Amino acid sequence: MARDPILSIEQIPKNGNLRSASRSKSSRPLKKARLDSSTNRVRSSSRVKPRTELGIPDQTKREKAQKLGNKAQSRIRRNAKAGEADRRVFVKLPKHLYSGKRKMGKTDRR
């Protein structure tokens, strides 16, 4: 709103940018649908390759890489070693045996 310096009152602009006291008019659904129909076209999506085929495009090299991976895993399985997922720290002292036995020395209080 513009302020008139002489009268010191607020004037309403002529272009009608003020909100009306009544409900605002919603846009017509036909016009809205017409505008959206031109921009929202359905595009066909291309087929996505499996992730195993993305890294190595050649079929023979892909099979060789798979064999090498299986061979590395079989060596760990053969030796019955713990893999990455099997790493775990077990309890060093069983609590039911050692609870209440902290007597003299540095470890008598916390």
PDB file of N, CA and C in Angstrom:
ATOM      1  N   MET A   1       0.833  -1.173   0.000  1.00  0.00           N
ATOM      2  CA  MET A   1       0.000   0.000   0.000  1.00  0.00           C
ATOM      3  C   MET A   1       0.878   1.237   0.000  1.00  0.00           C
ATOM      4  N   ALA A   2       0.421   2.234  -0.691  1.00  0.00           N
ATOM      5  CA  ALA A   2       1.157   3.487  -0.773  1.00  0.00           C
ATOM      6  C   ALA A   2       0.613   4.458   0.265  1.00  0.00           C
ATOM      7  N   ARG A   3       1.487   5.266   0.810  1.00  0.00           N
ATOM      8  CA  ARG A   3       1.095   6.241   1.830  1.00  0.00           C
ATOM      9  C   ARG A   3       1.099   7.634   1.208  1.00  0.00           C
ATOM     10  N   ASP A   4       0.025   8.357   1.369  1.00  0.00           N
ATOM     11  CA  ASP A   4      -0.073   9.720   0.846  1.00  0.00           C
ATOM     12  C   ASP A   4       0.593  10.661   1.845  1.00  0.00           C
ATOM     13  N   PRO A   5       1.650  11.390   1.429  1.00  0.00           N
ATOM     14  CA  PRO A   5       2.348  12.242   2.395  1.00  0.00           C
ATOM     15  C   PRO A   5       1.515  13.441   2.849  1.00  0.00           C
ATOM     16  N   ILE A   6       0.590  13.886   2.050  1.00  0.00           N
ATOM     17  CA  ILE A   6      -0.195  15.074   2.413  1.00  0.00           C
ATOM     18  C   ILE A   6      -1.295  14.708   3.410  1.00  0.00           C
ATOM     19  N   LEU A   7      -2.060  13.679   3.093  1.00  0.00           N
ATOM     20  CA  LEU A   7      -3.189  13.322   3.947  1.00  0.00           C
ATOM     21  C   LEU A   7      -2.796  12.366   5.071  1.00  0.00           C
ATOM     22  N   SER A   8      -1.623  11.750   4.957  1.00  0.00           N
ATOM     23  CA  SER A   8      -1.126  10.794   5.936  1.00  0.00           C
ATOM     24  C   SER A   8      -2.109   9.635   6.132  1.00  0.00           C
ATOM     25  N   ILE A   9      -2.677   9.178   5.032  1.00  0.00           N
ATOM     26  CA  ILE A   9      -3.549   8.013   5.076  1.00  0.00           C
ATOM     27  C   ILE A   9      -3.074   7.030   4.021  1.00  0.00           C
ATOM     28  N   GLU A  10      -3.442   5.803   4.203  1.00  0.00           N
ATOM     29  CA  GLU A  10      -3.045   4.775   3.253  1.00  0.00           C
ATOM     30  C   GLU A  10      -4.055   4.711   2.126  1.00  0.00           C
ATOM     31  N   GLN A  11      -3.522   4.636   0.904  1.00  0.00           N
ATOM     32  CA  GLN A  11      -4.393   4.561  -0.255  1.00  0.00           C
ATOM     33  C   GLN A  11      -4.336   3.160  -0.837  1.00  0.00           C
ATOM     34  N   ILE A  12      -5.438   2.743  -1.409  1.00  0.00           N
ATOM     35  CA  ILE A  12      -5.511   1.438  -2.046  1.00  0.00           C
ATOM     36  C   ILE A  12      -4.982   1.579  -3.461  1.00  0.00           C
ATOM     37  N   PRO A  13      -4.040   0.727  -3.870  1.00  0.00           N
ATOM     38  CA  PRO A  13      -3.542   0.817  -5.239  1.00  0.00           C
ATOM     39  C   PRO A  13      -4.634   0.461  -6.245  1.00  0.00           C
ATOM     40  N   LYS A  14      -4.508   1.018  -7.449  1.00  0.00           N
ATOM     41  CA  LYS A  14      -5.548   0.857  -8.460  1.00  0.00           C
ATOM     42  C   LYS A  14      -5.516  -0.513  -9.131  1.00  0.00           C
ATOM     43  N   ASN A  15      -4.373  -1.193  -9.105  1.00  0.00           N
ATOM     44  CA  ASN A  15      -4.295  -2.465  -9.820  1.00  0.00           C
ATOM     45  C   ASN A  15      -4.928  -3.614  -9.041  1.00  0.00           C
ATOM     46  N   GLY A  16      -5.357  -3.391  -7.812  1.00  0.00           N
ATOM     47  CA  GLY A  16      -6.099  -4.408  -7.071  1.00  0.00           C
ATOM     48  C   GLY A  16      -5.241  -5.542  -6.542  1.00  0.00           C
ATOM     49  N   ASN A  17      -4.073  -5.253  -6.033  1.00  0.00           N
ATOM     50  CA  ASN A  17      -3.208  -6.296  -5.501  1.00  0.00           C
ATOM     51  C   ASN A  17      -3.554  -6.683  -4.071  1.00  0.00           C
ATOM     52  N   LEU A  18      -4.528  -6.026  -3.475  1.00  0.00           N
ATOM     53  CA  LEU A  18      -4.902  -6.349  -2.104  1.00  0.00           C
ATOM     54  C   LEU A  18      -5.793  -7.580  -2.078  1.00  0.00           C
ATOM     55  N   ARG A  19      -5.715  -8.307  -0.993  1.00  0.00           N
ATOM     56  CA  ARG A  19      -6.579  -9.464  -0.820  1.00  0.00           C
ATOM     57  C   ARG A  19      -7.954  -8.990  -0.396  1.00  0.00           C
ATOM     58  N   SER A  20      -8.963  -9.624  -0.907  1.00  0.00           N
ATOM     59  CA  SER A  20     -10.320  -9.226  -0.554  1.00  0.00           C
ATOM     60  C   SER A  20     -10.707  -9.869   0.771  1.00  0.00           C
ATOM     61  N   ALA A  21     -11.691  -9.304   1.418  1.00  0.00           N
ATOM     62  CA  ALA A  21     -12.132  -9.817   2.705  1.00  0.00           C
ATOM     63  C   ALA A  21     -12.892 -11.120   2.534  1.00  0.00           C
ATOM     64  N   SER A  22     -13.533 -11.285   1.392  1.00  0.00           N
ATOM     65  CA  SER A  22     -14.266 -12.518   1.160  1.00  0.00           C
ATOM     66  C   SER A  22     -13.292 -13.608   0.717  1.00  0.00           C
ATOM     67  N   ARG A  23     -13.841 -14.759   0.435  1.00  0.00           N
ATOM     68  CA  ARG A  23     -13.007 -15.880   0.011  1.00  0.00           C
ATOM     69  C   ARG A  23     -12.321 -15.585  -1.309  1.00  0.00           C
ATOM     70  N   SER A  24     -11.102 -16.069  -1.433  1.00  0.00           N
ATOM     71  CA  SER A  24     -10.413 -15.876  -2.705  1.00  0.00           C
ATOM     72  C   SER A  24     -10.965 -16.862  -3.724  1.00  0.00           C
ATOM     73  N   LYS A  25     -10.988 -16.458  -4.958  1.00  0.00           N
ATOM     74  CA  LYS A  25     -11.522 -17.309  -6.009  1.00  0.00           C
ATOM     75  C   LYS A  25     -10.462 -18.327  -6.408  1.00  0.00           C
ATOM     76  N   SER A  26     -10.872 -19.557  -6.524  1.00  0.00           N
ATOM     77  CA  SER A  26      -9.942 -20.584  -6.966  1.00  0.00           C
ATOM     78  C   SER A  26      -9.905 -20.604  -8.485  1.00  0.00           C
ATOM     79  N   SER A  27      -8.796 -21.082  -9.028  1.00  0.00           N
ATOM     80  CA  SER A  27      -8.676 -21.124 -10.482  1.00  0.00           C
ATOM     81  C   SER A  27      -9.595 -22.195 -11.045  1.00  0.00           C
ATOM     82  N   ARG A  28      -9.994 -21.997 -12.268  1.00  0.00           N
ATOM     83  CA  ARG A  28     -10.904 -22.943 -12.886  1.00  0.00           C
ATOM     84  C   ARG A  28     -10.170 -24.257 -13.145  1.00  0.00           C
ATOM     85  N   PRO A  29     -10.811 -25.383 -12.927  1.00  0.00           N
ATOM     86  CA  PRO A  29     -10.138 -26.661 -13.136  1.00  0.00           C
ATOM     87  C   PRO A  29      -9.806 -26.941 -14.594  1.00  0.00           C
ATOM     88  N   LEU A  30     -10.606 -26.416 -15.543  1.00  0.00           N
ATOM     89  CA  LEU A  30     -10.326 -26.677 -16.949  1.00  0.00           C
ATOM     90  C   LEU A  30      -9.014 -26.033 -17.378  1.00  0.00           C
ATOM     91  N   LYS A  31      -8.814 -24.798 -16.956  1.00  0.00           N
ATOM     92  CA  LYS A  31      -7.599 -24.100 -17.340  1.00  0.00           C
ATOM     93  C   LYS A  31      -6.377 -24.774 -16.711  1.00  0.00           C
ATOM     94  N   LYS A  32      -6.529 -25.194 -15.457  1.00  0.00           N
ATOM     95  CA  LYS A  32      -5.428 -25.846 -14.767  1.00  0.00           C
ATOM     96  C   LYS A  32      -5.069 -27.169 -15.451  1.00  0.00           C
ATOM     97  N   ALA A  33      -6.080 -27.933 -15.832  1.00  0.00           N
ATOM     98  CA  ALA A  33      -5.835 -29.211 -16.490  1.00  0.00           C
ATOM     99  C   ALA A  33      -5.188 -29.001 -17.856  1.00  0.00           C
ATOM    100  N   ARG A  34      -5.586 -27.948 -18.547  1.00  0.00           N
ATOM    101  CA  ARG A  34      -5.022 -27.675 -19.864  1.00  0.00           C
ATOM    102  C   ARG A  34      -3.542 -27.320 -19.753  1.00  0.00           C
ATOM    103  N   LEU A  35      -3.189 -26.554 -18.723  1.00  0.00           N
ATOM    104  CA  LEU A  35      -1.789 -26.175 -18.549  1.00  0.00           C
ATOM    105  C   LEU A  35      -0.932 -27.374 -18.182  1.00  0.00           C
ATOM    106  N   ASP A  36      -1.454 -28.240 -17.309  1.00  0.00           N
ATOM    107  CA  ASP A  36      -0.669 -29.375 -16.852  1.00  0.00           C
ATOM    108  C   ASP A  36      -0.497 -30.439 -17.924  1.00  0.00           C
ATOM    109  N   SER A  37      -1.471 -30.547 -18.828  1.00  0.00           N
ATOM    110  CA  SER A  37      -1.413 -31.631 -19.802  1.00  0.00           C
ATOM    111  C   SER A  37      -0.236 -31.474 -20.762  1.00  0.00           C
ATOM    112  N   SER A  38       0.179 -30.249 -21.038  1.00  0.00           N
ATOM    113  CA  SER A  38       1.280 -30.070 -21.979  1.00  0.00           C
ATOM    114  C   SER A  38       2.632 -30.378 -21.338  1.00  0.00           C
ATOM    115  N   THR A  39       2.757 -30.157 -20.041  1.00  0.00           N
ATOM    116  CA  THR A  39       4.058 -30.355 -19.395  1.00  0.00           C
ATOM    117  C   THR A  39       4.247 -31.763 -18.858  1.00  0.00           C
ATOM    118  N   ASN A  40       3.170 -32.427 -18.454  1.00  0.00           N
ATOM    119  CA  ASN A  40       3.297 -33.742 -17.839  1.00  0.00           C
ATOM    120  C   ASN A  40       3.036 -34.846 -18.851  1.00  0.00           C
ATOM    121  N   ARG A  41       4.001 -35.116 -19.671  1.00  0.00           N
ATOM    122  CA  ARG A  41       3.871 -36.225 -20.603  1.00  0.00           C
ATOM    123  C   ARG A  41       4.523 -37.450 -19.994  1.00  0.00           C
ATOM    124  N   VAL A  42       3.962 -38.583 -20.283  1.00  0.00           N
ATOM    125  CA  VAL A  42       4.515 -39.825 -19.769  1.00  0.00           C
ATOM    126  C   VAL A  42       5.609 -40.279 -20.715  1.00  0.00           C
ATOM    127  N   ARG A  43       6.811 -40.455 -20.155  1.00  0.00           N
ATOM    128  CA  ARG A  43       7.923 -40.935 -20.968  1.00  0.00           C
ATOM    129  C   ARG A  43       8.171 -42.393 -20.650  1.00  0.00           C
ATOM    130  N   SER A  44       8.505 -43.155 -21.669  1.00  0.00           N
ATOM    131  CA  SER A  44       8.815 -44.555 -21.424  1.00  0.00           C
ATOM    132  C   SER A  44      10.208 -44.641 -20.819  1.00  0.00           C
ATOM    133  N   SER A  45      10.345 -45.465 -19.803  1.00  0.00           N
ATOM    134  CA  SER A  45      11.643 -45.591 -19.142  1.00  0.00           C
ATOM    135  C   SER A  45      12.426 -46.721 -19.796  1.00  0.00           C
ATOM    136  N   SER A  46      13.710 -46.505 -19.952  1.00  0.00           N
ATOM    137  CA  SER A  46      14.543 -47.521 -20.581  1.00  0.00           C
ATOM    138  C   SER A  46      14.859 -48.613 -19.573  1.00  0.00           C
ATOM    139  N   ARG A  47      15.185 -49.789 -20.082  1.00  0.00           N
ATOM    140  CA  ARG A  47      15.496 -50.914 -19.211  1.00  0.00           C
ATOM    141  C   ARG A  47      16.818 -50.670 -18.509  1.00  0.00           C
ATOM    142  N   VAL A  48      16.864 -50.992 -17.248  1.00  0.00           N
ATOM    143  CA  VAL A  48      18.066 -50.800 -16.448  1.00  0.00           C
ATOM    144  C   VAL A  48      18.812 -52.121 -16.381  1.00  0.00           C
ATOM    145  N   LYS A  49      20.128 -52.053 -16.604  1.00  0.00           N
ATOM    146  CA  LYS A  49      20.934 -53.264 -16.518  1.00  0.00           C
ATOM    147  C   LYS A  49      21.096 -53.678 -15.064  1.00  0.00           C
ATOM    148  N   PRO A  50      21.263 -54.969 -14.820  1.00  0.00           N
ATOM    149  CA  PRO A  50      21.562 -55.401 -13.453  1.00  0.00           C
ATOM    150  C   PRO A  50      22.904 -54.834 -12.998  1.00  0.00           C
ATOM    151  N   ARG A  51      23.072 -54.692 -11.694  1.00  0.00           N
ATOM    152  CA  ARG A  51      24.285 -54.076 -11.163  1.00  0.00           C
ATOM    153  C   ARG A  51      25.525 -54.913 -11.452  1.00  0.00           C
ATOM    154  N   THR A  52      25.351 -56.220 -11.608  1.00  0.00           N
ATOM    155  CA  THR A  52      26.508 -57.057 -11.910  1.00  0.00           C
ATOM    156  C   THR A  52      27.036 -56.785 -13.311  1.00  0.00           C
ATOM    157  N   GLU A  53      26.174 -56.314 -14.203  1.00  0.00           N
ATOM    158  CA  GLU A  53      26.595 -56.053 -15.578  1.00  0.00           C
ATOM    159  C   GLU A  53      27.071 -54.626 -15.792  1.00  0.00           C
ATOM    160  N   LEU A  54      26.831 -53.739 -14.861  1.00  0.00           N
ATOM    161  CA  LEU A  54      27.203 -52.341 -15.055  1.00  0.00           C
ATOM    162  C   LEU A  54      28.711 -52.128 -14.987  1.00  0.00           C
ATOM    163  N   GLY A  55      29.396 -52.814 -14.071  1.00  0.00           N
ATOM    164  CA  GLY A  55      30.823 -52.563 -13.880  1.00  0.00           C
ATOM    165  C   GLY A  55      31.675 -53.134 -14.996  1.00  0.00           C
ATOM    166  N   ILE A  56      31.358 -54.343 -15.448  1.00  0.00           N
ATOM    167  CA  ILE A  56      32.165 -55.021 -16.461  1.00  0.00           C
ATOM    168  C   ILE A  56      31.264 -55.315 -17.656  1.00  0.00           C
ATOM    169  N   PRO A  57      31.464 -54.610 -18.763  1.00  0.00           N
ATOM    170  CA  PRO A  57      30.558 -54.799 -19.899  1.00  0.00           C
ATOM    171  C   PRO A  57      30.777 -56.111 -20.656  1.00  0.00           C
ATOM    172  N   ASP A  58      32.003 -56.647 -20.650  1.00  0.00           N
ATOM    173  CA  ASP A  58      32.308 -57.851 -21.416  1.00  0.00           C
ATOM    174  C   ASP A  58      31.854 -59.095 -20.647  1.00  0.00           C
ATOM    175  N   GLN A  59      31.168 -60.014 -21.314  1.00  0.00           N
ATOM    176  CA  GLN A  59      30.613 -61.200 -20.662  1.00  0.00           C
ATOM    177  C   GLN A  59      31.706 -62.123 -20.133  1.00  0.00           C
ATOM    178  N   THR A  60      32.765 -62.342 -20.896  1.00  0.00           N
ATOM    179  CA  THR A  60      33.817 -63.270 -20.455  1.00  0.00           C
ATOM    180  C   THR A  60      34.566 -62.716 -19.249  1.00  0.00           C
ATOM    181  N   LYS A  61      34.842 -61.421 -19.263  1.00  0.00           N
ATOM    182  CA  LYS A  61      35.532 -60.817 -18.118  1.00  0.00           C
ATOM    183  C   LYS A  61      34.648 -60.832 -16.873  1.00  0.00           C
ATOM    184  N   ARG A  62      33.341 -60.674 -17.083  1.00  0.00           N
ATOM    185  CA  ARG A  62      32.412 -60.704 -15.956  1.00  0.00           C
ATOM    186  C   ARG A  62      32.394 -62.081 -15.304  1.00  0.00           C
ATOM    187  N   GLU A  63      32.395 -63.136 -16.135  1.00  0.00           N
ATOM    188  CA  GLU A  63      32.413 -64.497 -15.592  1.00  0.00           C
ATOM    189  C   GLU A  63      33.714 -64.782 -14.863  1.00  0.00           C
ATOM    190  N   LYS A  64      34.835 -64.277 -15.404  1.00  0.00           N
ATOM    191  CA  LYS A  64      36.128 -64.492 -14.758  1.00  0.00           C
ATOM    192  C   LYS A  64      36.177 -63.784 -13.404  1.00  0.00           C
ATOM    193  N   ALA A  65      35.642 -62.584 -13.330  1.00  0.00           N
ATOM    194  CA  ALA A  65      35.613 -61.850 -12.062  1.00  0.00           C
ATOM    195  C   ALA A  65      34.746 -62.574 -11.037  1.00  0.00           C
ATOM    196  N   GLN A  66      33.646 -63.167 -11.493  1.00  0.00           N
ATOM    197  CA  GLN A  66      32.777 -63.920 -10.584  1.00  0.00           C
ATOM    198  C   GLN A  66      33.500 -65.144 -10.040  1.00  0.00           C
ATOM    199  N   LYS A  67      34.265 -65.828 -10.906  1.00  0.00           N
ATOM    200  CA  LYS A  67      35.011 -67.004 -10.457  1.00  0.00           C
ATOM    201  C   LYS A  67      36.085 -66.622  -9.446  1.00  0.00           C
ATOM    202  N   LEU A  68      36.784 -65.511  -9.705  1.00  0.00           N
ATOM    203  CA  LEU A  68      37.814 -65.067  -8.765  1.00  0.00           C
ATOM    204  C   LEU A  68      37.208 -64.699  -7.408  1.00  0.00           C
ATOM    205  N   GLY A  69      36.049 -64.075  -7.431  1.00  0.00           N
ATOM    206  CA  GLY A  69      35.386 -63.725  -6.175  1.00  0.00           C
ATOM    207  C   GLY A  69      34.961 -64.955  -5.398  1.00  0.00           C
ATOM    208  N   ASN A  70      34.444 -65.956  -6.115  1.00  0.00           N
ATOM    209  CA  ASN A  70      34.044 -67.195  -5.448  1.00  0.00           C
ATOM    210  C   ASN A  70      35.247 -67.926  -4.875  1.00  0.00           C
ATOM    211  N   LYS A  71      36.370 -67.872  -5.600  1.00  0.00           N
ATOM    212  CA  LYS A  71      37.577 -68.546  -5.133  1.00  0.00           C
ATOM    213  C   LYS A  71      38.100 -67.898  -3.848  1.00  0.00           C
ATOM    214  N   ALA A  72      38.063 -66.584  -3.783  1.00  0.00           N
ATOM    215  CA  ALA A  72      38.521 -65.888  -2.581  1.00  0.00           C
ATOM    216  C   ALA A  72      37.621 -66.208  -1.388  1.00  0.00           C
ATOM    217  N   GLN A  73      36.332 -66.326  -1.626  1.00  0.00           N
ATOM    218  CA  GLN A  73      35.414 -66.659  -0.540  1.00  0.00           C
ATOM    219  C   GLN A  73      35.592 -68.103  -0.088  1.00  0.00           C
ATOM    220  N   SER A  74      35.858 -69.000  -1.036  1.00  0.00           N
ATOM    221  CA  SER A  74      35.977 -70.412  -0.670  1.00  0.00           C
ATOM    222  C   SER A  74      37.207 -70.663   0.179  1.00  0.00           C
ATOM    223  N   ARG A  75      38.267 -69.900  -0.025  1.00  0.00           N
ATOM    224  CA  ARG A  75      39.472 -70.063   0.792  1.00  0.00           C
ATOM    225  C   ARG A  75      39.169 -69.722   2.254  1.00  0.00           C
ATOM    226  N   ILE A  76      38.415 -68.677   2.471  1.00  0.00           N
ATOM    227  CA  ILE A  76      38.045 -68.303   3.844  1.00  0.00           C
ATOM    228  C   ILE A  76      37.131 -69.369   4.444  1.00  0.00           C
ATOM    229  N   ARG A  77      36.201 -69.878   3.644  1.00  0.00           N
ATOM    230  CA  ARG A  77      35.292 -70.911   4.145  1.00  0.00           C
ATOM    231  C   ARG A  77      36.031 -72.209   4.444  1.00  0.00           C
ATOM    232  N   ARG A  78      37.023 -72.524   3.615  1.00  0.00           N
ATOM    233  CA  ARG A  78      37.760 -73.768   3.805  1.00  0.00           C
ATOM    234  C   ARG A  78      38.536 -73.741   5.116  1.00  0.00           C
ATOM    235  N   ASN A  79      39.121 -72.612   5.437  1.00  0.00           N
ATOM    236  CA  ASN A  79      39.892 -72.505   6.673  1.00  0.00           C
ATOM    237  C   ASN A  79      39.006 -72.246   7.888  1.00  0.00           C
ATOM    238  N   ALA A  80      37.728 -72.092   7.685  1.00  0.00           N
ATOM    239  CA  ALA A  80      36.752 -71.842   8.749  1.00  0.00           C
ATOM    240  C   ALA A  80      37.129 -70.619   9.560  1.00  0.00           C
ATOM    241  N   LYS A  81      37.616 -69.610   8.877  1.00  0.00           N
ATOM    242  CA  LYS A  81      37.972 -68.371   9.554  1.00  0.00           C
ATOM    243  C   LYS A  81      36.740 -67.475   9.664  1.00  0.00           C
ATOM    244  N   ALA A  82      36.821 -66.565  10.605  1.00  0.00           N
ATOM    245  CA  ALA A  82      35.734 -65.604  10.758  1.00  0.00           C
ATOM    246  C   ALA A  82      35.866 -64.552   9.674  1.00  0.00           C
ATOM    247  N   GLY A  83      34.778 -64.311   8.973  1.00  0.00           N
ATOM    248  CA  GLY A  83      34.783 -63.278   7.954  1.00  0.00           C
ATOM    249  C   GLY A  83      34.534 -61.910   8.570  1.00  0.00           C
ATOM    250  N   GLU A  84      34.291 -60.932   7.717  1.00  0.00           N
ATOM    251  CA  GLU A  84      34.083 -59.568   8.209  1.00  0.00           C
ATOM    252  C   GLU A  84      32.841 -59.473   9.090  1.00  0.00           C
ATOM    253  N   ALA A  85      31.804 -60.192   8.740  1.00  0.00           N
ATOM    254  CA  ALA A  85      30.558 -60.103   9.501  1.00  0.00           C
ATOM    255  C   ALA A  85      30.621 -60.870  10.810  1.00  0.00           C
ATOM    256  N   ASP A  86      31.613 -61.739  10.959  1.00  0.00           N
ATOM    257  CA  ASP A  86      31.692 -62.573  12.157  1.00  0.00           C
ATOM    258  C   ASP A  86      32.530 -61.960  13.262  1.00  0.00           C
ATOM    259  N   ARG A  87      33.091 -60.787  13.050  1.00  0.00           N
ATOM    260  CA  ARG A  87      33.935 -60.172  14.071  1.00  0.00           C
ATOM    261  C   ARG A  87      33.073 -59.747  15.248  1.00  0.00           C
ATOM    262  N   ARG A  88      33.427 -60.218  16.435  1.00  0.00           N
ATOM    263  CA  ARG A  88      32.664 -59.882  17.627  1.00  0.00           C
ATOM    264  C   ARG A  88      33.553 -60.025  18.841  1.00  0.00           C
ATOM    265  N   VAL A  89      33.447 -59.092  19.768  1.00  0.00           N
ATOM    266  CA  VAL A  89      34.213 -59.161  21.007  1.00  0.00           C
ATOM    267  C   VAL A  89      33.307 -59.787  22.052  1.00  0.00           C
ATOM    268  N   PHE A  90      33.694 -60.949  22.524  1.00  0.00           N
ATOM    269  CA  PHE A  90      32.914 -61.622  23.545  1.00  0.00           C
ATOM    270  C   PHE A  90      33.296 -61.073  24.915  1.00  0.00           C
ATOM    271  N   VAL A  91      32.503 -61.358  25.934  1.00  0.00           N
ATOM    272  CA  VAL A  91      32.751 -60.846  27.278  1.00  0.00           C
ATOM    273  C   VAL A  91      34.014 -61.498  27.821  1.00  0.00           C
ATOM    274  N   LYS A  92      34.957 -60.657  28.288  1.00  0.00           N
ATOM    275  CA  LYS A  92      36.229 -61.182  28.775  1.00  0.00           C
ATOM    276  C   LYS A  92      36.048 -61.923  30.100  1.00  0.00           C
ATOM    277  N   LEU A  93      35.298 -61.331  31.011  1.00  0.00           N
ATOM    278  CA  LEU A  93      35.085 -61.955  32.312  1.00  0.00           C
ATOM    279  C   LEU A  93      33.593 -62.216  32.494  1.00  0.00           C
ATOM    280  N   PRO A  94      33.208 -63.422  32.834  1.00  0.00           N
ATOM    281  CA  PRO A  94      31.791 -63.666  33.089  1.00  0.00           C
ATOM    282  C   PRO A  94      31.358 -62.935  34.354  1.00  0.00           C
ATOM    283  N   LYS A  95      30.334 -62.130  34.252  1.00  0.00           N
ATOM    284  CA  LYS A  95      29.960 -61.216  35.330  1.00  0.00           C
ATOM    285  C   LYS A  95      29.491 -61.960  36.582  1.00  0.00           C
ATOM    286  N   HIS A  96      28.836 -63.073  36.404  1.00  0.00           N
ATOM    287  CA  HIS A  96      28.305 -63.758  37.583  1.00  0.00           C
ATOM    288  C   HIS A  96      29.422 -64.347  38.449  1.00  0.00           C
ATOM    289  N   LEU A  97      30.601 -64.537  37.879  1.00  0.00           N
ATOM    290  CA  LEU A  97      31.715 -65.066  38.671  1.00  0.00           C
ATOM    291  C   LEU A  97      32.521 -63.968  39.350  1.00  0.00           C
ATOM    292  N   TYR A  98      32.559 -62.793  38.742  1.00  0.00           N
ATOM    293  CA  TYR A  98      33.463 -61.764  39.231  1.00  0.00           C
ATOM    294  C   TYR A  98      32.747 -60.610  39.923  1.00  0.00           C
ATOM    295  N   SER A  99      31.428 -60.622  40.009  1.00  0.00           N
ATOM    296  CA  SER A  99      30.738 -59.494  40.626  1.00  0.00           C
ATOM    297  C   SER A  99      30.875 -59.569  42.141  1.00  0.00           C
ATOM    298  N   GLY A 100      31.127 -58.414  42.771  1.00  0.00           N
ATOM    299  CA  GLY A 100      31.239 -58.338  44.222  1.00  0.00           C
ATOM    300  C   GLY A 100      32.578 -58.763  44.772  1.00  0.00           C
ATOM    301  N   LYS A 101      33.586 -58.964  43.940  1.00  0.00           N
ATOM    302  CA  LYS A 101      34.886 -59.428  44.419  1.00  0.00           C
ATOM    303  C   LYS A 101      35.965 -58.364  44.282  1.00  0.00           C
ATOM    304  N   ARG A 102      35.596 -57.097  44.283  1.00  0.00           N
ATOM    305  CA  ARG A 102      36.580 -56.025  44.171  1.00  0.00           C
ATOM    306  C   ARG A 102      36.899 -55.552  45.578  1.00  0.00           C
ATOM    307  N   LYS A 103      37.995 -55.985  46.111  1.00  0.00           N
ATOM    308  CA  LYS A 103      38.294 -55.674  47.508  1.00  0.00           C
ATOM    309  C   LYS A 103      39.289 -54.539  47.613  1.00  0.00           C
ATOM    310  N   MET A 104      40.468 -54.803  48.099  1.00  0.00           N
ATOM    311  CA  MET A 104      41.443 -53.746  48.339  1.00  0.00           C
ATOM    312  C   MET A 104      42.184 -53.406  47.053  1.00  0.00           C
ATOM    313  N   GLY A 105      42.840 -52.239  47.083  1.00  0.00           N
ATOM    314  CA  GLY A 105      43.597 -51.817  45.918  1.00  0.00           C
ATOM    315  C   GLY A 105      42.937 -50.632  45.250  1.00  0.00           C
ATOM    316  N   LYS A 106      43.350 -50.393  44.022  1.00  0.00           N
ATOM    317  CA  LYS A 106      42.844 -49.221  43.304  1.00  0.00           C
ATOM    318  C   LYS A 106      41.401 -49.404  42.850  1.00  0.00           C
ATOM    319  N   THR A 107      40.958 -50.621  42.717  1.00  0.00           N
ATOM    320  CA  THR A 107      39.645 -50.859  42.110  1.00  0.00           C
ATOM    321  C   THR A 107      38.551 -51.064  43.151  1.00  0.00           C
ATOM    322  N   ASP A 108      38.699 -50.488  44.350  1.00  0.00           N
ATOM    323  CA  ASP A 108      37.688 -50.711  45.376  1.00  0.00           C
ATOM    324  C   ASP A 108      36.526 -49.737  45.277  1.00  0.00           C
ATOM    325  N   ARG A 109      36.607 -48.697  44.467  1.00  0.00           N
ATOM    326  CA  ARG A 109      35.499 -47.750  44.340  1.00  0.00           C
ATOM    327  C   ARG A 109      35.473 -47.165  42.929  1.00  0.00           C
ATOM    328  N   ARG A 110      34.309 -46.636  42.600  1.00  0.00           N
ATOM    329  CA  ARG A 110      34.169 -45.979  41.292  1.00  0.00           C
ATOM    330  C   ARG A 110      33.517 -44.649  41.475  1.00  0.00           C
TER     331      ARG A 110
END
